[in-house]
Amino acid sequence: MTTLVTGASGFLGSHVARQLVARGDPVRVLMRPSSTNRAVGDLSLEYVTGDLRDPRSLERALAGVKCVFHVAADYRLWARKSRDIYDSNVGGTKNLLEAAKRAGVEKFVYTSTVATVAVDRPELPTEATDARLEEMVGHYKRSKWMAEAEALKAAKEGLPLVVAMPTTPVGPGDWKPTPTGKIVLDFLNGKMPGYVETGLNFVGAEECAAGHLLVAEKGRVGERYLLGSENLTLKAMLDMLAGITGLPAPALKIPHGLALGVAYMNTIFSRLVGKEPQIPVEGVKIARHMMFVDCTRAQRELGFKPGSVAAALERAVRWYEANGYVNPRRVKKMQRAAA
């Protein structure tokens, strides 16, 4: 039974593809002509060149496919053209859903995000939390909310679809890196003078990928499953990194208002010089909210077993170090601290 994975060139998608291959599944991956396969180049895969925005390429990709893991997403907190994010995340998802219906796919796992439920509520949000589009901060979150709505609609109309909702994956193999990976790298390279008061639920990327396979095997059609591990403040996560590396954690707590002002100035300057801003405005706005959630449903119903976030962060640190992402002087400091 051929399984199609979208987003295999990305962080989480590459881990999903890797675990499917390790299990012995024949895996086909959809990749754009501009994508690189460095995250999965060592795997035995069937490649189809295409684009979620090109319905004809999706017909080729789905020929003979029984199971789909739609992990691909335009995960950016800034884009020169915000329309691009919607075209990929919403339009591309709609195209793939329609193509999957025509192809007679037997199982479709749509990878959403914790962001569609992680909103301010008196109690910890869960999969049952009914968040509204107007509560989504920024184009990425809004696009994923809209795409998830399309996926759930397709499930109601008969597509055997289940929704996986990763929280914040960390671990090895974040080649790009993701916005979360950039936070870890800023810490490792000494580019984080302070922190804002915020919080996230973190999960090891490998465990999150394994959770996707459980969602496919045991998840109920039309249901959502949060795949997460620990709720941690940003300060607690940075303290974990300090313990792993021996590097000092930033002690300066930056007020949100000041961080937002700096982000706006950084964005204006970046536009003038034609570069991506180092401090996206959307990222600071998102940080105003604690994105803590209750992830116990997947553990209870699917047997999902997340590992410790500290262990996942250590795997991430060692991978970044081994792959040349960390300044050599900082590497030496880490080695001295470990000696």
C-alpha atoms as a PDB file:
ATOM      1  CA  MET A   1       0.000   0.000   0.000  1.00  0.00           C
ATOM      2  CA  THR A   2       1.687   3.176  -1.212  1.00  0.00           C
ATOM      3  CA  THR A   3       1.686   6.092   1.222  1.00  0.00           C
ATOM      4  CA  LEU A   4       2.053   9.685   0.041  1.00  0.00           C
ATOM      5  CA  VAL A   5       3.817  12.214   2.277  1.00  0.00           C
ATOM      6  CA  THR A   6       3.733  15.929   1.529  1.00  0.00           C
ATOM      7  CA  GLY A   7       6.286  18.158   3.206  1.00  0.00           C
ATOM      8  CA  ALA A   8       8.960  15.446   3.389  1.00  0.00           C
ATOM      9  CA  SER A   9      11.638  18.050   2.654  1.00  0.00           C
ATOM     10  CA  GLY A  10      10.646  19.868   5.845  1.00  0.00           C
ATOM     11  CA  PHE A  11      11.319  19.266   9.516  1.00  0.00           C
ATOM     12  CA  LEU A  12       8.335  17.251  10.734  1.00  0.00           C
ATOM     13  CA  GLY A  13       7.491  15.770   7.337  1.00  0.00           C
ATOM     14  CA  SER A  14      10.959  14.290   6.996  1.00  0.00           C
ATOM     15  CA  HIS A  15      10.565  12.524  10.340  1.00  0.00           C
ATOM     16  CA  VAL A  16       7.165  11.149   9.296  1.00  0.00           C
ATOM     17  CA  ALA A  17       8.624   9.820   6.036  1.00  0.00           C
ATOM     18  CA  ARG A  18      11.599   8.345   7.889  1.00  0.00           C
ATOM     19  CA  GLN A  19       9.399   6.434  10.332  1.00  0.00           C
ATOM     20  CA  LEU A  20       7.137   5.113   7.586  1.00  0.00           C
ATOM     21  CA  VAL A  21      10.168   3.789   5.685  1.00  0.00           C
ATOM     22  CA  ALA A  22      11.573   2.262   8.884  1.00  0.00           C
ATOM     23  CA  ARG A  23       8.254   0.464   9.312  1.00  0.00           C
ATOM     24  CA  GLY A  24       8.566  -0.974   5.810  1.00  0.00           C
ATOM     25  CA  ASP A  25       5.913   1.086   4.028  1.00  0.00           C
ATOM     26  CA  PRO A  26       6.379   2.014   0.343  1.00  0.00           C
ATOM     27  CA  VAL A  27       6.559   5.820   0.525  1.00  0.00           C
ATOM     28  CA  ARG A  28       6.031   8.367  -2.221  1.00  0.00           C
ATOM     29  CA  VAL A  29       6.876  12.012  -1.587  1.00  0.00           C
ATOM     30  CA  LEU A  30       5.630  15.118  -3.355  1.00  0.00           C
ATOM     31  CA  MET A  31       8.334  17.738  -3.833  1.00  0.00           C
ATOM     32  CA  ARG A  32       8.412  21.052  -5.633  1.00  0.00           C
ATOM     33  CA  PRO A  33      11.120  21.509  -8.268  1.00  0.00           C
ATOM     34  CA  SER A  34      12.805  24.071  -6.005  1.00  0.00           C
ATOM     35  CA  SER A  35      12.892  21.785  -2.936  1.00  0.00           C
ATOM     36  CA  THR A  36      15.904  19.845  -1.730  1.00  0.00           C
ATOM     37  CA  ASN A  37      15.760  16.288  -0.437  1.00  0.00           C
ATOM     38  CA  ARG A  38      18.697  16.636   1.956  1.00  0.00           C
ATOM     39  CA  ALA A  39      16.462  15.761   4.935  1.00  0.00           C
ATOM     40  CA  VAL A  40      15.446  12.430   3.362  1.00  0.00           C
ATOM     41  CA  GLY A  41      18.123  11.787   0.748  1.00  0.00           C
ATOM     42  CA  ASP A  42      19.296   8.645   2.528  1.00  0.00           C
ATOM     43  CA  LEU A  43      15.847   7.025   2.378  1.00  0.00           C
ATOM     44  CA  SER A  44      14.391   4.706  -0.248  1.00  0.00           C
ATOM     45  CA  LEU A  45      11.564   6.870  -1.587  1.00  0.00           C
ATOM     46  CA  GLU A  46       9.559   7.381  -4.756  1.00  0.00           C
ATOM     47  CA  TYR A  47       9.635  11.022  -5.837  1.00  0.00           C
ATOM     48  CA  VAL A  48       6.917  12.919  -7.660  1.00  0.00           C
ATOM     49  CA  THR A  49       7.643  16.485  -8.715  1.00  0.00           C
ATOM     50  CA  GLY A  50       4.691  18.768  -8.207  1.00  0.00           C
ATOM     51  CA  ASP A  51       3.064  21.506  -6.199  1.00  0.00           C
ATOM     52  CA  LEU A  52       0.005  21.663  -3.969  1.00  0.00           C
ATOM     53  CA  ARG A  53      -1.151  24.597  -6.061  1.00  0.00           C
ATOM     54  CA  ASP A  54      -1.055  22.467  -9.238  1.00  0.00           C
ATOM     55  CA  PRO A  55      -4.019  20.022  -9.251  1.00  0.00           C
ATOM     56  CA  ARG A  56      -2.639  18.035 -12.202  1.00  0.00           C
ATOM     57  CA  SER A  57       0.548  17.207 -10.315  1.00  0.00           C
ATOM     58  CA  LEU A  58      -1.551  16.004  -7.375  1.00  0.00           C
ATOM     59  CA  GLU A  59      -3.389  13.524  -9.605  1.00  0.00           C
ATOM     60  CA  ARG A  60      -0.021  12.017 -10.561  1.00  0.00           C
ATOM     61  CA  ALA A  61       1.113  11.959  -6.935  1.00  0.00           C
ATOM     62  CA  LEU A  62      -2.052  10.177  -5.741  1.00  0.00           C
ATOM     63  CA  ALA A  63      -2.194   7.477  -8.410  1.00  0.00           C
ATOM     64  CA  GLY A  64      -2.377   4.149  -6.566  1.00  0.00           C
ATOM     65  CA  VAL A  65      -2.077   5.782  -3.126  1.00  0.00           C
ATOM     66  CA  LYS A  66      -4.136   4.441  -0.223  1.00  0.00           C
ATOM     67  CA  CYS A  67      -2.880   6.645   2.621  1.00  0.00           C
ATOM     68  CA  VAL A  68      -1.881  10.316   2.700  1.00  0.00           C
ATOM     69  CA  PHE A  69       0.063  12.252   5.325  1.00  0.00           C
ATOM     70  CA  HIS A  70      -0.391  15.911   4.423  1.00  0.00           C
ATOM     71  CA  VAL A  71       2.365  17.482   6.521  1.00  0.00           C
ATOM     72  CA  ALA A  72       3.398  20.263   4.130  1.00  0.00           C
ATOM     73  CA  ALA A  73       2.772  23.830   5.247  1.00  0.00           C
ATOM     74  CA  ASP A  74       4.154  27.280   4.623  1.00  0.00           C
ATOM     75  CA  TYR A  75       5.354  27.871   8.182  1.00  0.00           C
ATOM     76  CA  ARG A  76       6.541  31.465   8.210  1.00  0.00           C
ATOM     77  CA  LEU A  77       5.854  34.347  10.552  1.00  0.00           C
ATOM     78  CA  TRP A  78       6.728  36.842   7.838  1.00  0.00           C
ATOM     79  CA  ALA A  79       6.341  36.885   4.049  1.00  0.00           C
ATOM     80  CA  ARG A  80       6.726  39.607   1.448  1.00  0.00           C
ATOM     81  CA  LYS A  81       3.387  38.477   0.022  1.00  0.00           C
ATOM     82  CA  SER A  82       1.048  37.114   2.678  1.00  0.00           C
ATOM     83  CA  ARG A  83      -1.148  35.720  -0.125  1.00  0.00           C
ATOM     84  CA  ASP A  84       1.518  33.073  -0.748  1.00  0.00           C
ATOM     85  CA  ILE A  85       0.894  31.589   2.709  1.00  0.00           C
ATOM     86  CA  TYR A  86      -2.847  31.263   2.054  1.00  0.00           C
ATOM     87  CA  ASP A  87      -2.313  29.869  -1.442  1.00  0.00           C
ATOM     88  CA  SER A  88      -0.173  27.039  -0.062  1.00  0.00           C
ATOM     89  CA  ASN A  89      -1.844  26.314   3.272  1.00  0.00           C
ATOM     90  CA  VAL A  90      -5.498  26.804   2.334  1.00  0.00           C
ATOM     91  CA  GLY A  91      -5.654  26.534  -1.451  1.00  0.00           C
ATOM     92  CA  GLY A  92      -3.100  23.732  -1.585  1.00  0.00           C
ATOM     93  CA  THR A  93      -4.923  21.751   1.106  1.00  0.00           C
ATOM     94  CA  LYS A  94      -8.248  22.124  -0.727  1.00  0.00           C
ATOM     95  CA  ASN A  95      -6.615  20.884  -3.929  1.00  0.00           C
ATOM     96  CA  LEU A  96      -5.162  17.833  -2.203  1.00  0.00           C
ATOM     97  CA  LEU A  97      -8.432  17.010  -0.439  1.00  0.00           C
ATOM     98  CA  GLU A  98     -10.330  17.100  -3.715  1.00  0.00           C
ATOM     99  CA  ALA A  99      -7.702  14.973  -5.457  1.00  0.00           C
ATOM    100  CA  ALA A 100      -7.743  12.454  -2.578  1.00  0.00           C
ATOM    101  CA  LYS A 101     -11.528  12.094  -2.873  1.00  0.00           C
ATOM    102  CA  ARG A 102     -11.245  11.358  -6.589  1.00  0.00           C
ATOM    103  CA  ALA A 103      -8.388   8.889  -6.005  1.00  0.00           C
ATOM    104  CA  GLY A 104     -10.361   6.898  -3.414  1.00  0.00           C
ATOM    105  CA  VAL A 105      -7.804   7.342  -0.644  1.00  0.00           C
ATOM    106  CA  GLU A 106      -8.557   5.085   2.326  1.00  0.00           C
ATOM    107  CA  LYS A 107      -6.929   7.231   5.053  1.00  0.00           C
ATOM    108  CA  PHE A 108      -5.929  10.876   5.085  1.00  0.00           C
ATOM    109  CA  VAL A 109      -3.976  12.388   7.978  1.00  0.00           C
ATOM    110  CA  TYR A 110      -4.040  16.165   7.897  1.00  0.00           C
ATOM    111  CA  THR A 111      -1.332  17.883   9.939  1.00  0.00           C
ATOM    112  CA  SER A 112      -2.843  20.961  11.536  1.00  0.00           C
ATOM    113  CA  THR A 113      -1.279  22.826  14.460  1.00  0.00           C
ATOM    114  CA  VAL A 114      -1.780  23.517  18.144  1.00  0.00           C
ATOM    115  CA  ALA A 115      -2.342  27.145  17.137  1.00  0.00           C
ATOM    116  CA  THR A 116      -5.927  26.448  16.047  1.00  0.00           C
ATOM    117  CA  VAL A 117      -6.951  25.692  19.657  1.00  0.00           C
ATOM    118  CA  ALA A 118      -4.267  27.373  21.814  1.00  0.00           C
ATOM    119  CA  VAL A 119      -6.277  30.479  22.696  1.00  0.00           C
ATOM    120  CA  ASP A 120      -7.050  32.226  25.964  1.00  0.00           C
ATOM    121  CA  ARG A 121      -9.588  30.197  27.970  1.00  0.00           C
ATOM    122  CA  PRO A 122     -10.260  29.784  31.727  1.00  0.00           C
ATOM    123  CA  GLU A 123      -9.082  26.160  31.444  1.00  0.00           C
ATOM    124  CA  LEU A 124      -6.334  24.583  29.368  1.00  0.00           C
ATOM    125  CA  PRO A 125      -7.475  24.265  25.739  1.00  0.00           C
ATOM    126  CA  THR A 126      -7.986  20.770  24.313  1.00  0.00           C
ATOM    127  CA  GLU A 127      -9.012  19.306  20.971  1.00  0.00           C
ATOM    128  CA  ALA A 128     -12.596  20.209  21.931  1.00  0.00           C
ATOM    129  CA  THR A 129     -11.806  23.928  22.198  1.00  0.00           C
ATOM    130  CA  ASP A 130     -13.836  25.875  19.646  1.00  0.00           C
ATOM    131  CA  ALA A 131     -11.530  28.732  18.647  1.00  0.00           C
ATOM    132  CA  ARG A 132     -12.632  31.409  16.211  1.00  0.00           C
ATOM    133  CA  LEU A 133     -10.817  32.742  13.162  1.00  0.00           C
ATOM    134  CA  GLU A 134     -10.661  36.222  14.698  1.00  0.00           C
ATOM    135  CA  GLU A 135      -8.660  34.743  17.608  1.00  0.00           C
ATOM    136  CA  MET A 136      -5.886  33.638  15.277  1.00  0.00           C
ATOM    137  CA  VAL A 137      -2.871  35.986  15.337  1.00  0.00           C
ATOM    138  CA  GLY A 138      -1.079  36.422  12.022  1.00  0.00           C
ATOM    139  CA  HIS A 139      -1.336  34.964   8.544  1.00  0.00           C
ATOM    140  CA  TYR A 140       0.178  31.564   9.383  1.00  0.00           C
ATOM    141  CA  LYS A 141      -2.303  30.848  12.175  1.00  0.00           C
ATOM    142  CA  ARG A 142      -5.243  32.164  10.196  1.00  0.00           C
ATOM    143  CA  SER A 143      -4.309  30.107   7.156  1.00  0.00           C
ATOM    144  CA  LYS A 144      -3.962  26.927   9.220  1.00  0.00           C
ATOM    145  CA  TRP A 145      -7.324  27.543  10.927  1.00  0.00           C
ATOM    146  CA  MET A 146      -8.935  27.909   7.510  1.00  0.00           C
ATOM    147  CA  ALA A 147      -7.165  24.834   6.135  1.00  0.00           C
ATOM    148  CA  GLU A 148      -8.198  22.745   9.137  1.00  0.00           C
ATOM    149  CA  ALA A 149     -11.802  23.828   8.600  1.00  0.00           C
ATOM    150  CA  GLU A 150     -11.570  22.548   5.013  1.00  0.00           C
ATOM    151  CA  ALA A 151     -10.144  19.239   6.226  1.00  0.00           C
ATOM    152  CA  LEU A 152     -12.905  18.722   8.802  1.00  0.00           C
ATOM    153  CA  LYS A 153     -15.507  19.621   6.191  1.00  0.00           C
ATOM    154  CA  ALA A 154     -14.073  16.960   3.871  1.00  0.00           C
ATOM    155  CA  ALA A 155     -14.298  14.406   6.706  1.00  0.00           C
ATOM    156  CA  LYS A 156     -17.985  15.237   7.201  1.00  0.00           C
ATOM    157  CA  GLU A 157     -18.512  14.741   3.484  1.00  0.00           C
ATOM    158  CA  GLY A 158     -17.069  11.229   3.622  1.00  0.00           C
ATOM    159  CA  LEU A 159     -13.293  11.458   3.264  1.00  0.00           C
ATOM    160  CA  PRO A 160     -11.695   9.142   5.897  1.00  0.00           C
ATOM    161  CA  LEU A 161      -9.658  11.970   7.409  1.00  0.00           C
ATOM    162  CA  VAL A 162      -8.141  12.410  10.854  1.00  0.00           C
ATOM    163  CA  VAL A 163      -6.387  15.544  12.126  1.00  0.00           C
ATOM    164  CA  ALA A 164      -2.977  15.484  13.828  1.00  0.00           C
ATOM    165  CA  MET A 165      -2.182  18.642  15.804  1.00  0.00           C
ATOM    166  CA  PRO A 166       1.523  18.959  16.625  1.00  0.00           C
ATOM    167  CA  THR A 167       2.441  21.401  19.358  1.00  0.00           C
ATOM    168  CA  THR A 168       5.999  22.766  19.010  1.00  0.00           C
ATOM    169  CA  PRO A 169       8.395  20.104  17.677  1.00  0.00           C
ATOM    170  CA  VAL A 170      12.085  20.288  18.586  1.00  0.00           C
ATOM    171  CA  GLY A 171      14.874  17.905  17.728  1.00  0.00           C
ATOM    172  CA  PRO A 172      17.393  16.955  15.030  1.00  0.00           C
ATOM    173  CA  GLY A 173      16.924  17.503  11.316  1.00  0.00           C
ATOM    174  CA  ASP A 174      15.582  21.062  11.344  1.00  0.00           C
ATOM    175  CA  TRP A 175      17.521  22.047   8.240  1.00  0.00           C
ATOM    176  CA  LYS A 176      15.738  25.287   7.342  1.00  0.00           C
ATOM    177  CA  PRO A 177      15.366  25.981  10.386  1.00  0.00           C
ATOM    178  CA  THR A 178      11.807  26.542  11.615  1.00  0.00           C
ATOM    179  CA  PRO A 179      10.906  29.630  13.697  1.00  0.00           C
ATOM    180  CA  THR A 180      11.307  27.508  16.845  1.00  0.00           C
ATOM    181  CA  GLY A 181      14.644  26.232  15.621  1.00  0.00           C
ATOM    182  CA  LYS A 182      15.754  29.822  15.128  1.00  0.00           C
ATOM    183  CA  ILE A 183      15.084  30.490  18.814  1.00  0.00           C
ATOM    184  CA  VAL A 184      17.306  27.558  19.774  1.00  0.00           C
ATOM    185  CA  LEU A 185      20.005  28.713  17.363  1.00  0.00           C
ATOM    186  CA  ASP A 186      19.859  32.301  18.609  1.00  0.00           C
ATOM    187  CA  PHE A 187      20.515  30.939  22.096  1.00  0.00           C
ATOM    188  CA  LEU A 188      23.353  28.702  20.927  1.00  0.00           C
ATOM    189  CA  ASN A 189      25.004  31.520  18.973  1.00  0.00           C
ATOM    190  CA  GLY A 190      24.670  34.125  21.714  1.00  0.00           C
ATOM    191  CA  LYS A 191      22.162  36.259  19.802  1.00  0.00           C
ATOM    192  CA  MET A 192      19.489  36.342  22.482  1.00  0.00           C
ATOM    193  CA  PRO A 193      20.091  39.221  24.921  1.00  0.00           C
ATOM    194  CA  GLY A 194      16.744  38.708  26.658  1.00  0.00           C
ATOM    195  CA  TYR A 195      13.415  36.930  26.566  1.00  0.00           C
ATOM    196  CA  VAL A 196       9.725  37.760  26.670  1.00  0.00           C
ATOM    197  CA  GLU A 197       7.239  36.168  29.028  1.00  0.00           C
ATOM    198  CA  THR A 198       5.468  33.514  26.985  1.00  0.00           C
ATOM    199  CA  GLY A 199       4.947  29.788  26.942  1.00  0.00           C
ATOM    200  CA  LEU A 200       4.549  26.877  24.553  1.00  0.00           C
ATOM    201  CA  ASN A 201       3.909  23.179  24.616  1.00  0.00           C
ATOM    202  CA  PHE A 202       6.977  21.383  23.260  1.00  0.00           C
ATOM    203  CA  VAL A 203       7.388  17.860  21.885  1.00  0.00           C
ATOM    204  CA  GLY A 204      10.235  15.829  20.419  1.00  0.00           C
ATOM    205  CA  ALA A 205      10.045  15.774  16.622  1.00  0.00           C
ATOM    206  CA  GLU A 206      10.624  12.020  16.446  1.00  0.00           C
ATOM    207  CA  GLU A 207       7.857  11.306  18.965  1.00  0.00           C
ATOM    208  CA  CYS A 208       5.532  13.715  17.172  1.00  0.00           C
ATOM    209  CA  ALA A 209       6.143  11.847  13.911  1.00  0.00           C
ATOM    210  CA  ALA A 210       5.413   8.537  15.654  1.00  0.00           C
ATOM    211  CA  GLY A 211       2.195  10.142  16.880  1.00  0.00           C
ATOM    212  CA  HIS A 212       1.197  10.759  13.266  1.00  0.00           C
ATOM    213  CA  LEU A 213       1.410   7.037  12.569  1.00  0.00           C
ATOM    214  CA  LEU A 214      -0.769   6.355  15.614  1.00  0.00           C
ATOM    215  CA  VAL A 215      -3.294   8.918  14.404  1.00  0.00           C
ATOM    216  CA  ALA A 216      -3.498   7.039  11.103  1.00  0.00           C
ATOM    217  CA  GLU A 217      -3.847   3.653  12.792  1.00  0.00           C
ATOM    218  CA  LYS A 218      -6.131   4.418  15.725  1.00  0.00           C
ATOM    219  CA  GLY A 219      -7.568   7.903  15.270  1.00  0.00           C
ATOM    220  CA  ARG A 220     -11.283   8.308  14.672  1.00  0.00           C
ATOM    221  CA  VAL A 221     -12.373   9.891  11.404  1.00  0.00           C
ATOM    222  CA  GLY A 222     -13.252  13.561  11.783  1.00  0.00           C
ATOM    223  CA  GLU A 223     -11.465  13.883  15.144  1.00  0.00           C
ATOM    224  CA  ARG A 224      -8.450  15.982  16.202  1.00  0.00           C
ATOM    225  CA  TYR A 225      -5.516  14.780  18.310  1.00  0.00           C
ATOM    226  CA  LEU A 226      -2.971  17.050  19.973  1.00  0.00           C
ATOM    227  CA  LEU A 227       0.551  15.619  19.815  1.00  0.00           C
ATOM    228  CA  GLY A 228       2.503  17.358  22.549  1.00  0.00           C
ATOM    229  CA  SER A 229       4.532  16.776  25.673  1.00  0.00           C
ATOM    230  CA  GLU A 230       5.300  19.558  28.163  1.00  0.00           C
ATOM    231  CA  ASN A 231       3.988  23.064  28.768  1.00  0.00           C
ATOM    232  CA  LEU A 232       7.023  25.278  29.357  1.00  0.00           C
ATOM    233  CA  THR A 233       7.602  28.996  29.574  1.00  0.00           C
ATOM    234  CA  LEU A 234      10.204  30.335  27.176  1.00  0.00           C
ATOM    235  CA  LYS A 235      12.420  31.092  30.180  1.00  0.00           C
ATOM    236  CA  ALA A 236      12.164  27.468  31.361  1.00  0.00           C
ATOM    237  CA  MET A 237      13.084  26.224  27.877  1.00  0.00           C
ATOM    238  CA  LEU A 238      16.108  28.547  27.747  1.00  0.00           C
ATOM    239  CA  ASP A 239      17.153  27.341  31.208  1.00  0.00           C
ATOM    240  CA  MET A 240      16.991  23.773  29.873  1.00  0.00           C
ATOM    241  CA  LEU A 241      19.280  24.769  27.021  1.00  0.00           C
ATOM    242  CA  ALA A 242      21.644  26.362  29.507  1.00  0.00           C
ATOM    243  CA  GLY A 243      21.769  23.107  31.468  1.00  0.00           C
ATOM    244  CA  ILE A 244      22.457  21.109  28.309  1.00  0.00           C
ATOM    245  CA  THR A 245      25.157  23.367  26.899  1.00  0.00           C
ATOM    246  CA  GLY A 246      26.728  25.095  29.882  1.00  0.00           C
ATOM    247  CA  LEU A 247      26.048  28.432  28.171  1.00  0.00           C
ATOM    248  CA  PRO A 248      24.360  31.153  30.244  1.00  0.00           C
ATOM    249  CA  ALA A 249      20.638  31.692  29.789  1.00  0.00           C
ATOM    250  CA  PRO A 250      19.513  35.284  29.155  1.00  0.00           C
ATOM    251  CA  ALA A 251      18.442  36.924  32.403  1.00  0.00           C
ATOM    252  CA  LEU A 252      16.851  40.073  30.980  1.00  0.00           C
ATOM    253  CA  LYS A 253      13.054  39.928  30.721  1.00  0.00           C
ATOM    254  CA  ILE A 254      11.932  42.196  27.902  1.00  0.00           C
ATOM    255  CA  PRO A 255       8.469  43.824  28.163  1.00  0.00           C
ATOM    256  CA  HIS A 256       6.143  42.870  25.304  1.00  0.00           C
ATOM    257  CA  GLY A 257       5.609  46.511  24.360  1.00  0.00           C
ATOM    258  CA  LEU A 258       9.327  47.097  23.945  1.00  0.00           C
ATOM    259  CA  ALA A 259       9.771  43.859  21.988  1.00  0.00           C
ATOM    260  CA  LEU A 260       6.934  44.839  19.663  1.00  0.00           C
ATOM    261  CA  GLY A 261       8.453  48.267  19.035  1.00  0.00           C
ATOM    262  CA  VAL A 262      11.807  46.710  18.205  1.00  0.00           C
ATOM    263  CA  ALA A 263      10.090  44.222  15.890  1.00  0.00           C
ATOM    264  CA  TYR A 264       8.339  47.005  13.967  1.00  0.00           C
ATOM    265  CA  MET A 265      11.621  48.911  13.551  1.00  0.00           C
ATOM    266  CA  ASN A 266      13.404  45.736  12.485  1.00  0.00           C
ATOM    267  CA  THR A 267      10.706  45.031   9.907  1.00  0.00           C
ATOM    268  CA  ILE A 268      10.901  48.539   8.450  1.00  0.00           C
ATOM    269  CA  PHE A 269      14.683  48.329   8.190  1.00  0.00           C
ATOM    270  CA  SER A 270      14.495  44.844   6.658  1.00  0.00           C
ATOM    271  CA  ARG A 271      12.115  46.043   3.958  1.00  0.00           C
ATOM    272  CA  LEU A 272      14.492  48.862   3.074  1.00  0.00           C
ATOM    273  CA  VAL A 273      17.414  46.478   2.617  1.00  0.00           C
ATOM    274  CA  GLY A 274      15.320  43.680   1.083  1.00  0.00           C
ATOM    275  CA  LYS A 275      15.901  41.083   3.800  1.00  0.00           C
ATOM    276  CA  GLU A 276      13.702  38.973   6.053  1.00  0.00           C
ATOM    277  CA  PRO A 277      13.286  40.564   9.504  1.00  0.00           C
ATOM    278  CA  GLN A 278      15.135  38.879  12.345  1.00  0.00           C
ATOM    279  CA  ILE A 279      12.305  39.744  14.752  1.00  0.00           C
ATOM    280  CA  PRO A 280       8.940  39.168  13.004  1.00  0.00           C
ATOM    281  CA  VAL A 281       6.096  41.335  14.311  1.00  0.00           C
ATOM    282  CA  GLU A 282       3.745  38.362  14.190  1.00  0.00           C
ATOM    283  CA  GLY A 283       6.097  36.342  16.364  1.00  0.00           C
ATOM    284  CA  VAL A 284       6.059  39.002  19.077  1.00  0.00           C
ATOM    285  CA  LYS A 285       2.277  39.339  18.889  1.00  0.00           C
ATOM    286  CA  ILE A 286       1.891  35.566  19.224  1.00  0.00           C
ATOM    287  CA  ALA A 287       4.199  35.614  22.240  1.00  0.00           C
ATOM    288  CA  ARG A 288       1.672  37.698  24.166  1.00  0.00           C
ATOM    289  CA  HIS A 289      -0.351  34.542  24.670  1.00  0.00           C
ATOM    290  CA  MET A 290       0.589  31.409  26.603  1.00  0.00           C
ATOM    291  CA  MET A 291       0.039  28.520  24.203  1.00  0.00           C
ATOM    292  CA  PHE A 292      -0.342  25.883  26.911  1.00  0.00           C
ATOM    293  CA  VAL A 293      -2.687  22.969  26.156  1.00  0.00           C
ATOM    294  CA  ASP A 294      -3.912  19.669  27.588  1.00  0.00           C
ATOM    295  CA  CYS A 295      -2.442  16.919  25.383  1.00  0.00           C
ATOM    296  CA  THR A 296      -3.647  13.872  27.292  1.00  0.00           C
ATOM    297  CA  ARG A 297      -6.255  12.673  24.782  1.00  0.00           C
ATOM    298  CA  ALA A 298      -3.733  11.214  22.334  1.00  0.00           C
ATOM    299  CA  GLN A 299      -1.932   9.499  25.187  1.00  0.00           C
ATOM    300  CA  ARG A 300      -5.173   8.071  26.540  1.00  0.00           C
ATOM    301  CA  GLU A 301      -6.850   7.044  23.267  1.00  0.00           C
ATOM    302  CA  LEU A 302      -3.959   6.347  20.892  1.00  0.00           C
ATOM    303  CA  GLY A 303      -1.199   5.215  23.229  1.00  0.00           C
ATOM    304  CA  PHE A 304       0.940   8.214  22.281  1.00  0.00           C
ATOM    305  CA  LYS A 305       4.103   8.325  24.410  1.00  0.00           C
ATOM    306  CA  PRO A 306       6.011  11.606  24.208  1.00  0.00           C
ATOM    307  CA  GLY A 307       9.534  11.695  25.585  1.00  0.00           C
ATOM    308  CA  SER A 308      11.078  14.448  27.673  1.00  0.00           C
ATOM    309  CA  VAL A 309      11.536  17.856  26.104  1.00  0.00           C
ATOM    310  CA  ALA A 310      14.988  18.151  27.686  1.00  0.00           C
ATOM    311  CA  ALA A 311      16.111  15.041  25.791  1.00  0.00           C
ATOM    312  CA  ALA A 312      14.648  16.398  22.531  1.00  0.00           C
ATOM    313  CA  LEU A 313      16.429  19.717  23.016  1.00  0.00           C
ATOM    314  CA  GLU A 314      19.700  17.919  23.644  1.00  0.00           C
ATOM    315  CA  ARG A 315      19.275  15.975  20.384  1.00  0.00           C
ATOM    316  CA  ALA A 316      18.593  19.278  18.625  1.00  0.00           C
ATOM    317  CA  VAL A 317      21.660  20.946  20.125  1.00  0.00           C
ATOM    318  CA  ARG A 318      23.968  18.091  19.157  1.00  0.00           C
ATOM    319  CA  TRP A 319      22.541  18.012  15.628  1.00  0.00           C
ATOM    320  CA  TYR A 320      22.959  21.774  15.111  1.00  0.00           C
ATOM    321  CA  GLU A 321      26.495  21.522  16.449  1.00  0.00           C
ATOM    322  CA  ALA A 322      27.388  18.553  14.222  1.00  0.00           C
ATOM    323  CA  ASN A 323      25.953  20.237  11.111  1.00  0.00           C
ATOM    324  CA  GLY A 324      27.771  23.551  11.422  1.00  0.00           C
ATOM    325  CA  TYR A 325      24.940  25.796  12.622  1.00  0.00           C
ATOM    326  CA  VAL A 326      26.759  26.899  15.773  1.00  0.00           C
ATOM    327  CA  ASN A 327      29.574  29.472  15.844  1.00  0.00           C
ATOM    328  CA  PRO A 328      32.889  27.642  16.504  1.00  0.00           C
ATOM    329  CA  ARG A 329      33.660  29.949  19.434  1.00  0.00           C
ATOM    330  CA  ARG A 330      30.363  29.007  21.063  1.00  0.00           C
ATOM    331  CA  VAL A 331      31.084  25.333  20.393  1.00  0.00           C
ATOM    332  CA  LYS A 332      34.372  25.698  22.254  1.00  0.00           C
ATOM    333  CA  LYS A 333      32.556  27.294  25.180  1.00  0.00           C
ATOM    334  CA  MET A 334      30.149  24.370  25.235  1.00  0.00           C
ATOM    335  CA  GLN A 335      33.051  21.897  25.141  1.00  0.00           C
ATOM    336  CA  ARG A 336      34.832  23.696  27.979  1.00  0.00           C
ATOM    337  CA  ALA A 337      31.654  23.669  30.052  1.00  0.00           C
ATOM    338  CA  ALA A 338      31.270  19.925  29.492  1.00  0.00           C
ATOM    339  CA  ALA A 339      34.899  19.163  30.382  1.00  0.00           C
END
